Amino acid sequence: MKARVYVMLKDGVLDPQGAAVQHALGALGFGGVNGVRQGKVIELDLADGTTEDTVTHMCEKLLANTVIESYRIEVI
């Protein structure tokens, strides 16, 4: 089983990396970018029989800081 975990900062949490990317895009002449939020994607290659519930526990314990980040799991 393979799973993809998408981790993003929660709404309202400042995203300095996203702001830096937005500024750099403007400096390169790419106008019209009103906001950038940066996150991460984690791909997991899991043993057969691993459940989505197990992946949720992985996210809660290590892959996402649930105080400031949200996550979404996609089984692929």
N, C-alpha and C. Protein backbone atom coordinates (compact mmCIF):
# COMPACT_ATOMS: atom_id res chain seq x y z
N MET A 1 0.85 -1.18 0.00
CA MET A 1 0.00 0.00 0.00
C MET A 1 0.90 1.24 0.00
N LYS A 2 0.46 2.23 -0.72
CA LYS A 2 1.16 3.51 -0.71
C LYS A 2 0.19 4.57 -0.22
N ALA A 3 0.73 5.52 0.50
CA ALA A 3 -0.08 6.63 0.99
C ALA A 3 0.70 7.92 0.78
N ARG A 4 -0.04 8.97 0.53
CA ARG A 4 0.53 10.30 0.40
C ARG A 4 -0.10 11.15 1.49
N VAL A 5 0.73 11.85 2.25
CA VAL A 5 0.24 12.71 3.31
C VAL A 5 0.57 14.15 2.93
N TYR A 6 -0.45 14.99 2.89
CA TYR A 6 -0.29 16.41 2.59
C TYR A 6 -0.39 17.18 3.90
N VAL A 7 0.64 17.94 4.22
CA VAL A 7 0.70 18.70 5.47
C VAL A 7 0.77 20.18 5.13
N MET A 8 -0.13 20.95 5.72
CA MET A 8 -0.17 22.41 5.50
C MET A 8 -0.34 23.11 6.84
N LEU A 9 0.14 24.35 6.89
CA LEU A 9 -0.12 25.16 8.07
C LEU A 9 -1.61 25.46 8.14
N LYS A 10 -2.14 25.49 9.36
CA LYS A 10 -3.56 25.81 9.54
C LYS A 10 -3.80 27.27 9.17
N ASP A 11 -5.05 27.58 8.81
CA ASP A 11 -5.43 28.96 8.52
C ASP A 11 -5.14 29.81 9.75
N GLY A 12 -4.62 30.99 9.53
CA GLY A 12 -4.32 31.90 10.63
C GLY A 12 -2.91 31.78 11.16
N VAL A 13 -2.19 30.72 10.78
CA VAL A 13 -0.79 30.56 11.19
C VAL A 13 0.08 31.25 10.14
N LEU A 14 0.96 32.13 10.59
CA LEU A 14 1.83 32.85 9.66
C LEU A 14 2.71 31.87 8.89
N ASP A 15 2.89 32.15 7.60
CA ASP A 15 3.67 31.28 6.73
C ASP A 15 4.80 32.10 6.11
N PRO A 16 5.94 32.27 6.82
CA PRO A 16 7.01 33.10 6.28
C PRO A 16 7.62 32.54 4.99
N GLN A 17 7.67 31.23 4.84
CA GLN A 17 8.19 30.66 3.59
C GLN A 17 7.26 30.98 2.43
N GLY A 18 5.96 30.88 2.66
CA GLY A 18 5.00 31.24 1.62
C GLY A 18 5.11 32.70 1.23
N ALA A 19 5.31 33.57 2.24
CA ALA A 19 5.46 35.00 1.97
C ALA A 19 6.73 35.26 1.16
N ALA A 20 7.81 34.54 1.46
CA ALA A 20 9.06 34.71 0.71
C ALA A 20 8.89 34.27 -0.74
N VAL A 21 8.17 33.18 -0.95
CA VAL A 21 7.92 32.70 -2.32
C VAL A 21 7.06 33.72 -3.08
N GLN A 22 6.03 34.24 -2.41
CA GLN A 22 5.18 35.23 -3.05
C GLN A 22 5.99 36.46 -3.44
N HIS A 23 6.84 36.93 -2.55
CA HIS A 23 7.68 38.10 -2.84
C HIS A 23 8.62 37.81 -4.01
N ALA A 24 9.25 36.63 -4.01
CA ALA A 24 10.19 36.27 -5.08
C ALA A 24 9.48 36.18 -6.43
N LEU A 25 8.28 35.63 -6.44
CA LEU A 25 7.52 35.56 -7.69
C LEU A 25 7.24 36.96 -8.24
N GLY A 26 6.86 37.87 -7.35
CA GLY A 26 6.63 39.26 -7.77
C GLY A 26 7.89 39.89 -8.32
N ALA A 27 9.03 39.63 -7.66
CA ALA A 27 10.31 40.19 -8.12
C ALA A 27 10.72 39.63 -9.47
N LEU A 28 10.27 38.44 -9.78
CA LEU A 28 10.58 37.82 -11.08
C LEU A 28 9.59 38.22 -12.17
N GLY A 29 8.64 39.08 -11.81
CA GLY A 29 7.70 39.58 -12.80
C GLY A 29 6.40 38.81 -12.90
N PHE A 30 6.17 37.89 -12.00
CA PHE A 30 4.91 37.14 -12.00
C PHE A 30 3.91 37.88 -11.12
N GLY A 31 3.14 38.76 -11.75
CA GLY A 31 2.14 39.53 -11.02
C GLY A 31 0.88 38.72 -10.78
N GLY A 32 0.04 39.24 -9.94
CA GLY A 32 -1.26 38.61 -9.71
C GLY A 32 -1.24 37.46 -8.72
N VAL A 33 -0.13 37.23 -8.05
CA VAL A 33 -0.08 36.18 -7.02
C VAL A 33 -0.50 36.83 -5.71
N ASN A 34 -1.71 36.54 -5.27
CA ASN A 34 -2.27 37.19 -4.09
C ASN A 34 -1.92 36.50 -2.78
N GLY A 35 -1.39 35.31 -2.85
CA GLY A 35 -1.01 34.61 -1.63
C GLY A 35 -0.36 33.28 -1.95
N VAL A 36 0.54 32.86 -1.09
CA VAL A 36 1.21 31.57 -1.24
C VAL A 36 1.22 30.89 0.12
N ARG A 37 0.83 29.64 0.16
CA ARG A 37 0.95 28.80 1.36
C ARG A 37 1.84 27.63 0.97
N GLN A 38 2.86 27.39 1.74
CA GLN A 38 3.78 26.31 1.45
C GLN A 38 3.53 25.16 2.41
N GLY A 39 3.59 23.95 1.88
CA GLY A 39 3.39 22.77 2.70
C GLY A 39 4.37 21.69 2.30
N LYS A 40 4.07 20.48 2.70
CA LYS A 40 4.93 19.35 2.34
C LYS A 40 4.09 18.15 1.99
N VAL A 41 4.67 17.29 1.17
CA VAL A 41 4.04 16.04 0.77
C VAL A 41 4.97 14.91 1.20
N ILE A 42 4.42 13.94 1.89
CA ILE A 42 5.19 12.78 2.35
C ILE A 42 4.59 11.54 1.72
N GLU A 43 5.39 10.79 0.97
CA GLU A 43 4.91 9.54 0.38
C GLU A 43 5.43 8.37 1.20
N LEU A 44 4.54 7.49 1.54
CA LEU A 44 4.87 6.32 2.35
C LEU A 44 4.64 5.06 1.55
N ASP A 45 5.61 4.18 1.53
CA ASP A 45 5.46 2.85 0.93
C ASP A 45 5.29 1.90 2.11
N LEU A 46 4.10 1.37 2.28
CA LEU A 46 3.74 0.62 3.48
C LEU A 46 3.52 -0.85 3.20
N ALA A 47 3.70 -1.66 4.22
CA ALA A 47 3.48 -3.09 4.11
C ALA A 47 2.00 -3.37 3.85
N ASP A 48 1.74 -4.46 3.14
CA ASP A 48 0.35 -4.87 2.92
C ASP A 48 -0.34 -5.05 4.27
N GLY A 49 -1.56 -4.64 4.33
CA GLY A 49 -2.32 -4.77 5.57
C GLY A 49 -2.25 -3.55 6.46
N THR A 50 -1.39 -2.58 6.12
CA THR A 50 -1.33 -1.35 6.90
C THR A 50 -2.62 -0.58 6.67
N THR A 51 -3.22 -0.10 7.73
CA THR A 51 -4.50 0.59 7.60
C THR A 51 -4.31 2.10 7.56
N GLU A 52 -5.33 2.76 7.07
CA GLU A 52 -5.32 4.23 7.06
C GLU A 52 -5.28 4.76 8.49
N ASP A 53 -5.88 4.02 9.41
CA ASP A 53 -5.85 4.40 10.82
C ASP A 53 -4.41 4.44 11.33
N THR A 54 -3.58 3.50 10.90
CA THR A 54 -2.16 3.49 11.28
C THR A 54 -1.46 4.73 10.74
N VAL A 55 -1.77 5.10 9.50
CA VAL A 55 -1.17 6.31 8.90
C VAL A 55 -1.63 7.54 9.68
N THR A 56 -2.87 7.57 10.11
CA THR A 56 -3.36 8.68 10.93
C THR A 56 -2.55 8.78 12.21
N HIS A 57 -2.28 7.67 12.85
CA HIS A 57 -1.47 7.68 14.07
C HIS A 57 -0.05 8.19 13.78
N MET A 58 0.50 7.83 12.62
CA MET A 58 1.83 8.33 12.23
C MET A 58 1.81 9.85 12.12
N CYS A 59 0.75 10.37 11.52
CA CYS A 59 0.62 11.82 11.35
C CYS A 59 0.51 12.51 12.70
N GLU A 60 -0.31 11.95 13.57
CA GLU A 60 -0.54 12.55 14.88
C GLU A 60 0.71 12.55 15.76
N LYS A 61 1.54 11.51 15.61
CA LYS A 61 2.71 11.37 16.48
C LYS A 61 3.98 11.99 15.91
N LEU A 62 4.10 12.06 14.57
CA LEU A 62 5.37 12.49 14.00
C LEU A 62 5.26 13.38 12.76
N LEU A 63 4.45 13.01 11.81
CA LEU A 63 4.51 13.65 10.49
C LEU A 63 3.95 15.06 10.46
N ALA A 64 3.03 15.39 11.36
CA ALA A 64 2.44 16.73 11.39
C ALA A 64 2.44 17.26 12.81
N ASN A 65 2.71 18.53 12.95
CA ASN A 65 2.56 19.20 14.24
C ASN A 65 1.13 19.69 14.29
N THR A 66 0.27 18.91 14.91
CA THR A 66 -1.18 19.18 14.83
C THR A 66 -1.60 20.44 15.56
N VAL A 67 -0.70 21.08 16.29
CA VAL A 67 -1.03 22.37 16.91
C VAL A 67 -1.14 23.44 15.84
N ILE A 68 -0.22 23.40 14.86
CA ILE A 68 -0.20 24.45 13.84
C ILE A 68 -0.41 23.94 12.42
N GLU A 69 -0.45 22.61 12.24
CA GLU A 69 -0.59 22.05 10.90
C GLU A 69 -1.80 21.13 10.81
N SER A 70 -2.37 21.09 9.61
CA SER A 70 -3.41 20.12 9.29
C SER A 70 -2.82 19.14 8.28
N TYR A 71 -3.45 17.99 8.16
CA TYR A 71 -2.95 17.00 7.21
C TYR A 71 -4.11 16.29 6.53
N ARG A 72 -3.81 15.75 5.37
CA ARG A 72 -4.79 14.97 4.62
C ARG A 72 -4.07 13.74 4.09
N ILE A 73 -4.72 12.60 4.21
CA ILE A 73 -4.13 11.33 3.77
C ILE A 73 -4.81 10.90 2.48
N GLU A 74 -4.01 10.49 1.52
CA GLU A 74 -4.52 9.95 0.25
C GLU A 74 -3.89 8.56 0.06
N VAL A 75 -4.71 7.53 0.01
CA VAL A 75 -4.22 6.19 -0.28
C VAL A 75 -4.11 6.05 -1.78
N ILE A 76 -2.93 5.65 -2.26
CA ILE A 76 -2.70 5.56 -3.71
C ILE A 76 -2.30 4.16 -4.11
